[in-house]
PDB file of all heavy atoms in Angstrom:
ATOM      1  N   SER A   1      88.002 103.196  84.489  1.00  0.00           N
ATOM      2  CA  SER A   1      89.160 102.353  84.372  1.00  0.00           C
ATOM      3  C   SER A   1      89.714 102.611  82.938  1.00  0.00           C
ATOM      4  O   SER A   1      89.085 103.204  82.009  1.00  0.00           O
ATOM      5  CB  SER A   1      88.824 100.927  84.486  1.00  0.00           C
ATOM      6  OG  SER A   1      88.014 100.449  83.465  1.00  0.00           O
ATOM      7  N   ASP A   2      90.883 101.988  82.647  1.00  0.00           N
ATOM      8  CA  ASP A   2      91.432 101.932  81.296  1.00  0.00           C
ATOM      9  C   ASP A   2      90.821 100.793  80.561  1.00  0.00           C
ATOM     10  O   ASP A   2      89.852 100.130  81.065  1.00  0.00           O
ATOM     11  CB  ASP A   2      93.024 101.872  81.341  1.00  0.00           C
ATOM     12  CG  ASP A   2      93.530 100.624  82.084  1.00  0.00           C
ATOM     13  OD1 ASP A   2      92.838  99.617  82.050  1.00  0.00           O
ATOM     14  OD2 ASP A   2      94.594 100.740  82.533  1.00  0.00           O
ATOM     15  N   ASN A   3      91.302 100.483  79.397  1.00  0.00           N
ATOM     16  CA  ASN A   3      90.689  99.410  78.640  1.00  0.00           C
ATOM     17  C   ASN A   3      91.551  98.182  78.621  1.00  0.00           C
ATOM     18  O   ASN A   3      91.306  97.210  77.774  1.00  0.00           O
ATOM     19  CB  ASN A   3      90.383  99.846  77.132  1.00  0.00           C
ATOM     20  CG  ASN A   3      91.636 100.141  76.393  1.00  0.00           C
ATOM     21  OD1 ASN A   3      92.800 100.103  76.905  1.00  0.00           O
ATOM     22  ND2 ASN A   3      91.455 100.361  75.035  1.00  0.00           N
ATOM     23  N   VAL A   4      92.473  97.981  79.514  1.00  0.00           N
ATOM     24  CA  VAL A   4      93.317  96.809  79.532  1.00  0.00           C
ATOM     25  C   VAL A   4      92.513  95.747  80.289  1.00  0.00           C
ATOM     26  O   VAL A   4      92.039  95.984  81.372  1.00  0.00           O
ATOM     27  CB  VAL A   4      94.698  97.112  80.279  1.00  0.00           C
ATOM     28  CG1 VAL A   4      95.505  95.874  80.439  1.00  0.00           C
ATOM     29  CG2 VAL A   4      95.511  98.139  79.519  1.00  0.00           C
ATOM     30  N   GLY A   5      92.478  94.515  79.691  1.00  0.00           N
ATOM     31  CA  GLY A   5      91.624  93.430  80.288  1.00  0.00           C
ATOM     32  C   GLY A   5      90.325  93.443  79.681  1.00  0.00           C
ATOM     33  O   GLY A   5      89.843  94.221  78.842  1.00  0.00           O
ATOM     34  N   GLY A   6      89.461  92.595  80.278  1.00  0.00           N
ATOM     35  CA  GLY A   6      88.072  92.426  79.734  1.00  0.00           C
ATOM     36  C   GLY A   6      87.132  93.559  80.174  1.00  0.00           C
ATOM     37  O   GLY A   6      87.337  94.158  81.217  1.00  0.00           O
ATOM     38  N   PHE A   7      86.194  93.773  79.358  1.00  0.00           N
ATOM     39  CA  PHE A   7      85.229  94.819  79.670  1.00  0.00           C
ATOM     40  C   PHE A   7      84.532  94.609  80.971  1.00  0.00           C
ATOM     41  O   PHE A   7      84.527  95.497  81.794  1.00  0.00           O
ATOM     42  CB  PHE A   7      84.162  94.939  78.452  1.00  0.00           C
ATOM     43  CG  PHE A   7      83.182  96.053  78.739  1.00  0.00           C
ATOM     44  CD1 PHE A   7      83.530  97.326  78.368  1.00  0.00           C
ATOM     45  CD2 PHE A   7      81.921  95.851  79.203  1.00  0.00           C
ATOM     46  CE1 PHE A   7      82.633  98.350  78.526  1.00  0.00           C
ATOM     47  CE2 PHE A   7      81.062  96.729  79.441  1.00  0.00           C
ATOM     48  CZ  PHE A   7      81.401  98.076  79.120  1.00  0.00           C
ATOM     49  N   ASP A   8      83.915  93.455  81.208  1.00  0.00           N
ATOM     50  CA  ASP A   8      83.255  93.207  82.449  1.00  0.00           C
ATOM     51  C   ASP A   8      84.131  93.372  83.717  1.00  0.00           C
ATOM     52  O   ASP A   8      83.682  93.872  84.675  1.00  0.00           O
ATOM     53  CB  ASP A   8      82.610  91.833  82.499  1.00  0.00           C
ATOM     54  CG  ASP A   8      81.441  91.688  81.463  1.00  0.00           C
ATOM     55  OD1 ASP A   8      80.855  92.701  81.023  1.00  0.00           O
ATOM     56  OD2 ASP A   8      81.155  90.527  81.102  1.00  0.00           O
ATOM     57  N   HIS A   9      85.399  92.944  83.554  1.00  0.00           N
ATOM     58  CA  HIS A   9      86.342  93.079  84.634  1.00  0.00           C
ATOM     59  C   HIS A   9      86.623  94.547  84.922  1.00  0.00           C
ATOM     60  O   HIS A   9      86.611  94.971  86.138  1.00  0.00           O
ATOM     61  CB  HIS A   9      87.657  92.366  84.316  1.00  0.00           C
ATOM     62  CG  HIS A   9      88.745  92.654  85.248  1.00  0.00           C
ATOM     63  ND1 HIS A   9      88.871  92.105  86.492  1.00  0.00           N
ATOM     64  CD2 HIS A   9      89.806  93.544  85.199  1.00  0.00           C
ATOM     65  CE1 HIS A   9      89.960  92.611  87.148  1.00  0.00           C
ATOM     66  NE2 HIS A   9      90.533  93.491  86.342  1.00  0.00           N
ATOM     67  N   ASN A  10      86.756  95.302  83.939  1.00  0.00           N
ATOM     68  CA  ASN A  10      86.980  96.778  84.144  1.00  0.00           C
ATOM     69  C   ASN A  10      85.787  97.482  84.688  1.00  0.00           C
ATOM     70  O   ASN A  10      85.927  98.423  85.492  1.00  0.00           O
ATOM     71  CB  ASN A  10      87.467  97.396  82.771  1.00  0.00           C
ATOM     72  CG  ASN A  10      88.826  97.139  82.552  1.00  0.00           C
ATOM     73  OD1 ASN A  10      89.731  97.115  83.459  1.00  0.00           O
ATOM     74  ND2 ASN A  10      89.207  96.855  81.281  1.00  0.00           N
ATOM     75  N   VAL A  11      84.566  97.107  84.293  1.00  0.00           N
ATOM     76  CA  VAL A  11      83.368  97.720  84.885  1.00  0.00           C
ATOM     77  C   VAL A  11      83.328  97.393  86.366  1.00  0.00           C
ATOM     78  O   VAL A  11      83.096  98.315  87.178  1.00  0.00           O
ATOM     79  CB  VAL A  11      82.066  97.216  84.164  1.00  0.00           C
ATOM     80  CG1 VAL A  11      80.835  97.722  84.949  1.00  0.00           C
ATOM     81  CG2 VAL A  11      82.074  97.784  82.681  1.00  0.00           C
ATOM     82  N   LYS A  12      83.560  96.118  86.704  1.00  0.00           N
ATOM     83  CA  LYS A  12      83.555  95.780  88.121  1.00  0.00           C
ATOM     84  C   LYS A  12      84.670  96.419  88.899  1.00  0.00           C
ATOM     85  O   LYS A  12      84.437  96.952  90.071  1.00  0.00           O
ATOM     86  CB  LYS A  12      83.765  94.184  88.240  1.00  0.00           C
ATOM     87  CG  LYS A  12      83.638  93.763  89.659  1.00  0.00           C
ATOM     88  CD  LYS A  12      82.203  93.937  90.255  1.00  0.00           C
ATOM     89  CE  LYS A  12      82.104  93.385  91.588  1.00  0.00           C
ATOM     90  NZ  LYS A  12      80.963  93.807  92.326  1.00  0.00           N
ATOM     91  N   LEU A  13      85.876  96.625  88.315  1.00  0.00           N
ATOM     92  CA  LEU A  13      86.904  97.212  89.005  1.00  0.00           C
ATOM     93  C   LEU A  13      86.594  98.719  89.223  1.00  0.00           C
ATOM     94  O   LEU A  13      86.835  99.216  90.372  1.00  0.00           O
ATOM     95  CB  LEU A  13      88.236  97.215  88.059  1.00  0.00           C
ATOM     96  CG  LEU A  13      89.446  97.865  88.546  1.00  0.00           C
ATOM     97  CD1 LEU A  13      89.958  97.226  89.826  1.00  0.00           C
ATOM     98  CD2 LEU A  13      90.470  97.820  87.479  1.00  0.00           C
ATOM     99  N   SER A  14      85.966  99.302  88.232  1.00  0.00           N
ATOM    100  CA  SER A  14      85.606 100.759  88.466  1.00  0.00           C
ATOM    101  C   SER A  14      84.542 100.904  89.462  1.00  0.00           C
ATOM    102  O   SER A  14      84.471 101.854  90.256  1.00  0.00           O
ATOM    103  CB  SER A  14      85.246 101.362  87.122  1.00  0.00           C
ATOM    104  OG  SER A  14      84.080 100.817  86.587  1.00  0.00           O
ATOM    105  N   GLU A  15      83.614 100.014  89.460  1.00  0.00           N
ATOM    106  CA  GLU A  15      82.512 100.002  90.474  1.00  0.00           C
ATOM    107  C   GLU A  15      83.098  99.849  91.878  1.00  0.00           C
ATOM    108  O   GLU A  15      82.668 100.524  92.856  1.00  0.00           O
ATOM    109  CB  GLU A  15      81.441  98.896  90.169  1.00  0.00           C
ATOM    110  CG  GLU A  15      80.279  98.888  91.065  1.00  0.00           C
ATOM    111  CD  GLU A  15      79.282  97.889  90.582  1.00  0.00           C
ATOM    112  OE1 GLU A  15      78.622  98.083  89.576  1.00  0.00           O
ATOM    113  OE2 GLU A  15      79.149  96.853  91.349  1.00  0.00           O
ATOM    114  N   ASN A  16      84.030  98.962  91.982  1.00  0.00           N
ATOM    115  CA  ASN A  16      84.665  98.665  93.318  1.00  0.00           C
ATOM    116  C   ASN A  16      85.405 100.024  93.791  1.00  0.00           C
ATOM    117  O   ASN A  16      85.383 100.370  95.022  1.00  0.00           O
ATOM    118  CB  ASN A  16      85.618  97.549  93.295  1.00  0.00           C
ATOM    119  CG  ASN A  16      84.891  96.194  93.167  1.00  0.00           C
ATOM    120  OD1 ASN A  16      83.705  96.113  93.426  1.00  0.00           O
ATOM    121  ND2 ASN A  16      85.618  95.173  92.774  1.00  0.00           N
ATOM    122  N   ARG A  17      86.027 100.620  92.845  1.00  0.00           N
ATOM    123  CA  ARG A  17      86.781 101.849  93.138  1.00  0.00           C
ATOM    124  C   ARG A  17      85.778 102.963  93.661  1.00  0.00           C
ATOM    125  O   ARG A  17      86.060 103.618  94.741  1.00  0.00           O
ATOM    126  CB  ARG A  17      87.460 102.301  91.808  1.00  0.00           C
ATOM    127  CG  ARG A  17      88.447 103.407  91.859  1.00  0.00           C
ATOM    128  CD  ARG A  17      89.199 103.706  90.582  1.00  0.00           C
ATOM    129  NE  ARG A  17      90.261 102.645  90.403  1.00  0.00           N
ATOM    130  CZ  ARG A  17      90.563 102.057  89.288  1.00  0.00           C
ATOM    131  NH1 ARG A  17      90.041 102.471  88.176  1.00  0.00           N
ATOM    132  NH2 ARG A  17      91.475 101.228  89.274  1.00  0.00           N
ATOM    133  N   ALA A  18      84.657 103.117  92.978  1.00  0.00           N
ATOM    134  CA  ALA A  18      83.688 104.086  93.368  1.00  0.00           C
ATOM    135  C   ALA A  18      83.057 103.726  94.696  1.00  0.00           C
ATOM    136  O   ALA A  18      82.764 104.615  95.534  1.00  0.00           O
ATOM    137  CB  ALA A  18      82.620 104.228  92.276  1.00  0.00           C
ATOM    138  N   GLN A  19      82.754 102.431  94.875  1.00  0.00           N
ATOM    139  CA  GLN A  19      82.106 101.999  96.149  1.00  0.00           C
ATOM    140  C   GLN A  19      83.013 102.242  97.324  1.00  0.00           C
ATOM    141  O   GLN A  19      82.600 102.709  98.408  1.00  0.00           O
ATOM    142  CB  GLN A  19      81.827 100.539  96.034  1.00  0.00           C
ATOM    143  CG  GLN A  19      81.009  99.984  97.278  1.00  0.00           C
ATOM    144  CD  GLN A  19      80.617  98.549  97.092  1.00  0.00           C
ATOM    145  OE1 GLN A  19      81.135  97.780  96.250  1.00  0.00           O
ATOM    146  NE2 GLN A  19      79.665  98.211  97.880  1.00  0.00           N
ATOM    147  N   ALA A  20      84.321 102.049  97.179  1.00  0.00           N
ATOM    148  CA  ALA A  20      85.264 102.246  98.278  1.00  0.00           C
ATOM    149  C   ALA A  20      85.245 103.712  98.667  1.00  0.00           C
ATOM    150  O   ALA A  20      85.243 104.070  99.841  1.00  0.00           O
ATOM    151  CB  ALA A  20      86.732 101.826  97.840  1.00  0.00           C
ATOM    152  N   VAL A  21      85.210 104.668  97.712  1.00  0.00           N
ATOM    153  CA  VAL A  21      85.126 106.060  98.054  1.00  0.00           C
ATOM    154  C   VAL A  21      83.875 106.384  98.742  1.00  0.00           C
ATOM    155  O   VAL A  21      83.773 107.057  99.750  1.00  0.00           O
ATOM    156  CB  VAL A  21      85.360 106.964  96.756  1.00  0.00           C
ATOM    157  CG1 VAL A  21      85.042 108.400  97.020  1.00  0.00           C
ATOM    158  CG2 VAL A  21      86.737 106.660  96.199  1.00  0.00           C
ATOM    159  N   ARG A  22      82.735 105.825  98.217  1.00  0.00           N
ATOM    160  CA  ARG A  22      81.486 106.047  98.866  1.00  0.00           C
ATOM    161  C   ARG A  22      81.502 105.607 100.351  1.00  0.00           C
ATOM    162  O   ARG A  22      80.997 106.321 101.215  1.00  0.00           O
ATOM    163  CB  ARG A  22      80.329 105.354  98.124  1.00  0.00           C
ATOM    164  CG  ARG A  22      79.007 105.556  98.798  1.00  0.00           C
ATOM    165  CD  ARG A  22      77.908 104.671  98.212  1.00  0.00           C
ATOM    166  NE  ARG A  22      76.621 104.870  98.759  1.00  0.00           N
ATOM    167  CZ  ARG A  22      76.102 104.293  99.804  1.00  0.00           C
ATOM    168  NH1 ARG A  22      76.779 103.434 100.494  1.00  0.00           N
ATOM    169  NH2 ARG A  22      74.854 104.639 100.294  1.00  0.00           N
ATOM    170  N   GLU A  23      81.958 104.402 100.551  1.00  0.00           N
ATOM    171  CA  GLU A  23      82.035 103.848 101.830  1.00  0.00           C
ATOM    172  C   GLU A  23      82.834 104.788 102.852  1.00  0.00           C
ATOM    173  O   GLU A  23      82.435 105.035 104.007  1.00  0.00           O
ATOM    174  CB  GLU A  23      82.561 102.442 101.914  1.00  0.00           C
ATOM    175  CG  GLU A  23      81.693 101.393 101.379  1.00  0.00           C
ATOM    176  CD  GLU A  23      82.303 100.041 101.229  1.00  0.00           C
ATOM    177  OE1 GLU A  23      83.423  99.833 101.670  1.00  0.00           O
ATOM    178  OE2 GLU A  23      81.641  99.180 100.664  1.00  0.00           O
ATOM    179  N   TYR A  24      83.946 105.332 102.344  1.00  0.00           N
ATOM    180  CA  TYR A  24      84.746 106.180 103.160  1.00  0.00           C
ATOM    181  C   TYR A  24      84.023 107.475 103.519  1.00  0.00           C
ATOM    182  O   TYR A  24      83.949 107.948 104.696  1.00  0.00           O
ATOM    183  CB  TYR A  24      86.032 106.532 102.410  1.00  0.00           C
ATOM    184  CG  TYR A  24      86.985 107.464 103.248  1.00  0.00           C
ATOM    185  CD1 TYR A  24      87.760 106.956 104.305  1.00  0.00           C
ATOM    186  CD2 TYR A  24      86.980 108.823 103.045  1.00  0.00           C
ATOM    187  CE1 TYR A  24      88.537 107.760 105.093  1.00  0.00           C
ATOM    188  CE2 TYR A  24      87.757 109.627 103.788  1.00  0.00           C
ATOM    189  CZ  TYR A  24      88.500 109.113 104.876  1.00  0.00           C
ATOM    190  OH  TYR A  24      89.323 109.972 105.594  1.00  0.00           O
ATOM    191  N   VAL A  25      83.335 108.020 102.546  1.00  0.00           N
ATOM    192  CA  VAL A  25      82.605 109.291 102.674  1.00  0.00           C
ATOM    193  C   VAL A  25      81.384 109.082 103.683  1.00  0.00           C
ATOM    194  O   VAL A  25      81.259 109.809 104.659  1.00  0.00           O
ATOM    195  CB  VAL A  25      82.055 109.809 101.378  1.00  0.00           C
ATOM    196  CG1 VAL A  25      81.010 110.930 101.560  1.00  0.00           C
ATOM    197  CG2 VAL A  25      83.098 110.250 100.401  1.00  0.00           C
ATOM    198  N   VAL A  26      80.774 107.969 103.655  1.00  0.00           N
ATOM    199  CA  VAL A  26      79.617 107.645 104.557  1.00  0.00           C
ATOM    200  C   VAL A  26      80.215 107.358 105.986  1.00  0.00           C
ATOM    201  O   VAL A  26      79.679 107.836 106.960  1.00  0.00           O
ATOM    202  CB  VAL A  26      78.811 106.427 104.062  1.00  0.00           C
ATOM    203  CG1 VAL A  26      77.862 105.911 105.130  1.00  0.00           C
ATOM    204  CG2 VAL A  26      78.093 106.870 102.778  1.00  0.00           C
ATOM    205  N   GLN A  27      81.368 106.731 106.057  1.00  0.00           N
ATOM    206  CA  GLN A  27      82.041 106.474 107.401  1.00  0.00           C
ATOM    207  C   GLN A  27      82.398 107.778 108.041  1.00  0.00           C
ATOM    208  O   GLN A  27      82.472 107.874 109.258  1.00  0.00           O
ATOM    209  CB  GLN A  27      83.266 105.576 107.227  1.00  0.00           C
ATOM    210  CG  GLN A  27      82.930 104.130 106.944  1.00  0.00           C
ATOM    211  CD  GLN A  27      84.235 103.376 106.594  1.00  0.00           C
ATOM    212  OE1 GLN A  27      85.291 103.904 106.526  1.00  0.00           O
ATOM    213  NE2 GLN A  27      84.049 102.062 106.479  1.00  0.00           N
ATOM    214  N   GLN A  28      82.615 108.828 107.307  1.00  0.00           N
ATOM    215  CA  GLN A  28      82.966 110.128 107.814  1.00  0.00           C
ATOM    216  C   GLN A  28      81.766 110.924 108.155  1.00  0.00           C
ATOM    217  O   GLN A  28      81.912 112.158 108.519  1.00  0.00           O
ATOM    218  CB  GLN A  28      83.843 110.848 106.889  1.00  0.00           C
ATOM    219  CG  GLN A  28      85.193 110.118 106.465  1.00  0.00           C
ATOM    220  CD  GLN A  28      85.999 109.725 107.776  1.00  0.00           C
ATOM    221  OE1 GLN A  28      86.248 110.561 108.609  1.00  0.00           O
ATOM    222  NE2 GLN A  28      86.245 108.386 107.893  1.00  0.00           N
ATOM    223  N   GLY A  29      80.537 110.427 108.155  1.00  0.00           N
ATOM    224  CA  GLY A  29      79.402 111.067 108.604  1.00  0.00           C
ATOM    225  C   GLY A  29      78.404 111.648 107.578  1.00  0.00           C
ATOM    226  O   GLY A  29      77.551 112.294 107.945  1.00  0.00           O
ATOM    227  N   VAL A  30      78.665 111.436 106.363  1.00  0.00           N
ATOM    228  CA  VAL A  30      77.748 111.861 105.351  1.00  0.00           C
ATOM    229  C   VAL A  30      76.672 110.791 105.172  1.00  0.00           C
ATOM    230  O   VAL A  30      77.051 109.651 105.010  1.00  0.00           O
ATOM    231  CB  VAL A  30      78.519 112.148 103.972  1.00  0.00           C
ATOM    232  CG1 VAL A  30      77.482 112.562 102.884  1.00  0.00           C
ATOM    233  CG2 VAL A  30      79.530 113.260 104.203  1.00  0.00           C
ATOM    234  N   ALA A  31      75.421 111.213 105.113  1.00  0.00           N
ATOM    235  CA  ALA A  31      74.258 110.248 104.978  1.00  0.00           C
ATOM    236  C   ALA A  31      74.403 109.448 103.741  1.00  0.00           C
ATOM    237  O   ALA A  31      74.625 110.027 102.645  1.00  0.00           O
ATOM    238  CB  ALA A  31      72.944 110.982 105.020  1.00  0.00           C
ATOM    239  N   ALA A  32      74.265 108.161 103.815  1.00  0.00           N
ATOM    240  CA  ALA A  32      74.329 107.285 102.735  1.00  0.00           C
ATOM    241  C   ALA A  32      73.373 107.588 101.618  1.00  0.00           C
ATOM    242  O   ALA A  32      73.608 107.405 100.437  1.00  0.00           O
ATOM    243  CB  ALA A  32      74.204 105.822 103.125  1.00  0.00           C
ATOM    244  N   SER A  33      72.222 108.110 101.966  1.00  0.00           N
ATOM    245  CA  SER A  33      71.157 108.427 101.078  1.00  0.00           C
ATOM    246  C   SER A  33      71.555 109.578 100.109  1.00  0.00           C
ATOM    247  O   SER A  33      70.892 109.869  99.137  1.00  0.00           O
ATOM    248  CB  SER A  33      69.874 108.820 101.770  1.00  0.00           C
ATOM    249  OG  SER A  33      70.113 109.943 102.604  1.00  0.00           O
ATOM    250  N   ARG A  34      72.605 110.256 100.436  1.00  0.00           N
ATOM    251  CA  ARG A  34      73.089 111.375  99.601  1.00  0.00           C
ATOM    252  C   ARG A  34      74.229 111.052  98.695  1.00  0.00           C
ATOM    253  O   ARG A  34      74.718 111.838  97.896  1.00  0.00           O
ATOM    254  CB  ARG A  34      73.528 112.617 100.548  1.00  0.00           C
ATOM    255  CG  ARG A  34      72.530 113.075 101.453  1.00  0.00           C
ATOM    256  CD  ARG A  34      73.095 114.100 102.403  1.00  0.00           C
ATOM    257  NE  ARG A  34      73.820 115.156 101.710  1.00  0.00           N
ATOM    258  CZ  ARG A  34      74.792 115.882 102.306  1.00  0.00           C
ATOM    259  NH1 ARG A  34      75.159 115.576 103.530  1.00  0.00           N
ATOM    260  NH2 ARG A  34      75.464 116.778 101.668  1.00  0.00           N
ATOM    261  N   VAL A  35      74.791 109.846  98.812  1.00  0.00           N
ATOM    262  CA  VAL A  35      75.955 109.464  98.041  1.00  0.00           C
ATOM    263  C   VAL A  35      75.690 108.168  97.238  1.00  0.00           C
ATOM    264  O   VAL A  35      75.532 107.045  97.848  1.00  0.00           O
ATOM    265  CB  VAL A  35      77.114 109.172  99.059  1.00  0.00           C
ATOM    266  CG1 VAL A  35      78.425 108.942  98.248  1.00  0.00           C
ATOM    267  CG2 VAL A  35      77.360 110.374  99.944  1.00  0.00           C
ATOM    268  N   PHE A  36      75.594 108.339  95.938  1.00  0.00           N
ATOM    269  CA  PHE A  36      75.418 107.228  95.033  1.00  0.00           C
ATOM    270  C   PHE A  36      76.794 106.827  94.417  1.00  0.00           C
ATOM    271  O   PHE A  36      77.675 107.722  94.390  1.00  0.00           O
ATOM    272  CB  PHE A  36      74.383 107.554  94.016  1.00  0.00           C
ATOM    273  CG  PHE A  36      72.996 107.771  94.602  1.00  0.00           C
ATOM    274  CD1 PHE A  36      72.627 109.060  95.017  1.00  0.00           C
ATOM    275  CD2 PHE A  36      72.087 106.755  94.766  1.00  0.00           C
ATOM    276  CE1 PHE A  36      71.460 109.324  95.539  1.00  0.00           C
ATOM    277  CE2 PHE A  36      70.836 106.925  95.264  1.00  0.00           C
ATOM    278  CZ  PHE A  36      70.531 108.246  95.697  1.00  0.00           C
ATOM    279  N   TYR A  37      76.798 105.708  93.842  1.00  0.00           N
ATOM    280  CA  TYR A  37      78.108 105.369  92.984  1.00  0.00           C
ATOM    281  C   TYR A  37      77.771 104.543  91.839  1.00  0.00           C
ATOM    282  O   TYR A  37      76.753 103.896  91.753  1.00  0.00           O
ATOM    283  CB  TYR A  37      79.075 104.679  93.964  1.00  0.00           C
ATOM    284  CG  TYR A  37      78.746 103.259  94.305  1.00  0.00           C
ATOM    285  CD1 TYR A  37      79.237 102.110  93.547  1.00  0.00           C
ATOM    286  CD2 TYR A  37      77.906 102.939  95.412  1.00  0.00           C
ATOM    287  CE1 TYR A  37      78.886 100.862  93.869  1.00  0.00           C
ATOM    288  CE2 TYR A  37      77.530 101.669  95.698  1.00  0.00           C
ATOM    289  CZ  TYR A  37      78.052 100.602  94.952  1.00  0.00           C
ATOM    290  OH  TYR A  37      77.685  99.327  95.249  1.00  0.00           O
ATOM    291  N   LYS A  38      78.691 104.585  90.880  1.00  0.00           N
ATOM    292  CA  LYS A  38      78.491 103.735  89.612  1.00  0.00           C
ATOM    293  C   LYS A  38      79.893 103.595  89.026  1.00  0.00           C
ATOM    294  O   LYS A  38      80.706 104.474  88.996  1.00  0.00           O
ATOM    295  CB  LYS A  38      77.605 104.558  88.636  1.00  0.00           C
ATOM    296  CG  LYS A  38      77.349 103.768  87.387  1.00  0.00           C
ATOM    297  CD  LYS A  38      76.311 104.402  86.465  1.00  0.00           C
ATOM    298  CE  LYS A  38      76.092 103.538  85.281  1.00  0.00           C
ATOM    299  NZ  LYS A  38      75.146 104.055  84.413  1.00  0.00           N
ATOM    300  N   GLY A  39      80.005 102.365  88.481  1.00  0.00           N
ATOM    301  CA  GLY A  39      81.316 102.052  87.786  1.00  0.00           C
ATOM    302  C   GLY A  39      80.998 102.165  86.280  1.00  0.00           C
ATOM    303  O   GLY A  39      80.132 101.564  85.732  1.00  0.00           O
ATOM    304  N   TYR A  40      81.788 102.987  85.612  1.00  0.00           N
ATOM    305  CA  TYR A  40      81.698 103.161  84.147  1.00  0.00           C
ATOM    306  C   TYR A  40      82.671 102.397  83.347  1.00  0.00           C
ATOM    307  O   TYR A  40      82.654 102.487  82.101  1.00  0.00           O
ATOM    308  CB  TYR A  40      81.802 104.737  83.844  1.00  0.00           C
ATOM    309  CG  TYR A  40      80.608 105.442  84.281  1.00  0.00           C
ATOM    310  CD1 TYR A  40      80.517 105.970  85.580  1.00  0.00           C
ATOM    311  CD2 TYR A  40      79.524 105.694  83.450  1.00  0.00           C
ATOM    312  CE1 TYR A  40      79.355 106.696  86.058  1.00  0.00           C
ATOM    313  CE2 TYR A  40      78.344 106.369  83.825  1.00  0.00           C
ATOM    314  CZ  TYR A  40      78.348 106.833  85.130  1.00  0.00           C
ATOM    315  OH  TYR A  40      77.238 107.532  85.561  1.00  0.00           O
ATOM    316  N   GLY A  41      83.622 101.722  83.966  1.00  0.00           N
ATOM    317  CA  GLY A  41      84.603 100.933  83.282  1.00  0.00           C
ATOM    318  C   GLY A  41      85.401 101.874  82.285  1.00  0.00           C
ATOM    319  O   GLY A  41      85.628 103.002  82.625  1.00  0.00           O
ATOM    320  N   PRO A  42      85.658 101.323  81.139  1.00  0.00           N
ATOM    321  CA  PRO A  42      86.458 102.142  80.137  1.00  0.00           C
ATOM    322  C   PRO A  42      85.612 102.986  79.218  1.00  0.00           C
ATOM    323  O   PRO A  42      86.134 103.484  78.135  1.00  0.00           O
ATOM    324  CB  PRO A  42      87.175 100.942  79.369  1.00  0.00           C
ATOM    325  CG  PRO A  42      86.211  99.877  79.297  1.00  0.00           C
ATOM    326  CD  PRO A  42      85.451  99.915  80.718  1.00  0.00           C
ATOM    327  N   THR A  43      84.350 103.171  79.534  1.00  0.00           N
ATOM    328  CA  THR A  43      83.566 103.802  78.498  1.00  0.00           C
ATOM    329  C   THR A  43      83.615 105.334  78.497  1.00  0.00           C
ATOM    330  O   THR A  43      83.002 105.941  77.455  1.00  0.00           O
ATOM    331  CB  THR A  43      82.003 103.423  78.883  1.00  0.00           C
ATOM    332  OG1 THR A  43      81.567 103.936  80.088  1.00  0.00           O
ATOM    333  CG2 THR A  43      81.726 101.941  78.843  1.00  0.00           C
ATOM    334  N   VAL A  44      84.264 106.002  79.395  1.00  0.00           N
ATOM    335  CA  VAL A  44      84.367 107.403  79.395  1.00  0.00           C
ATOM    336  C   VAL A  44      85.805 107.911  79.617  1.00  0.00           C
ATOM    337  O   VAL A  44      86.188 108.355  80.623  1.00  0.00           O
ATOM    338  CB  VAL A  44      83.460 108.038  80.458  1.00  0.00           C
ATOM    339  CG1 VAL A  44      83.382 109.607  80.318  1.00  0.00           C
ATOM    340  CG2 VAL A  44      82.055 107.497  80.491  1.00  0.00           C
TER     341      VAL A  44
END
C-alpha cells in the first residue's frame, strides 16, 4: 500500500489485497498449500 492513512490500516488493506488474489488463484484450481500471502503495508 501507500502511506496515506494509519499504518495498521494500510497493513490490513494490503493483506486483504493479497488474500483476494490468493483466493482467486485457489478458486481456479491451484492447491491452497502452494499459495501463501502477506500484507506488507507501506513498508516496501
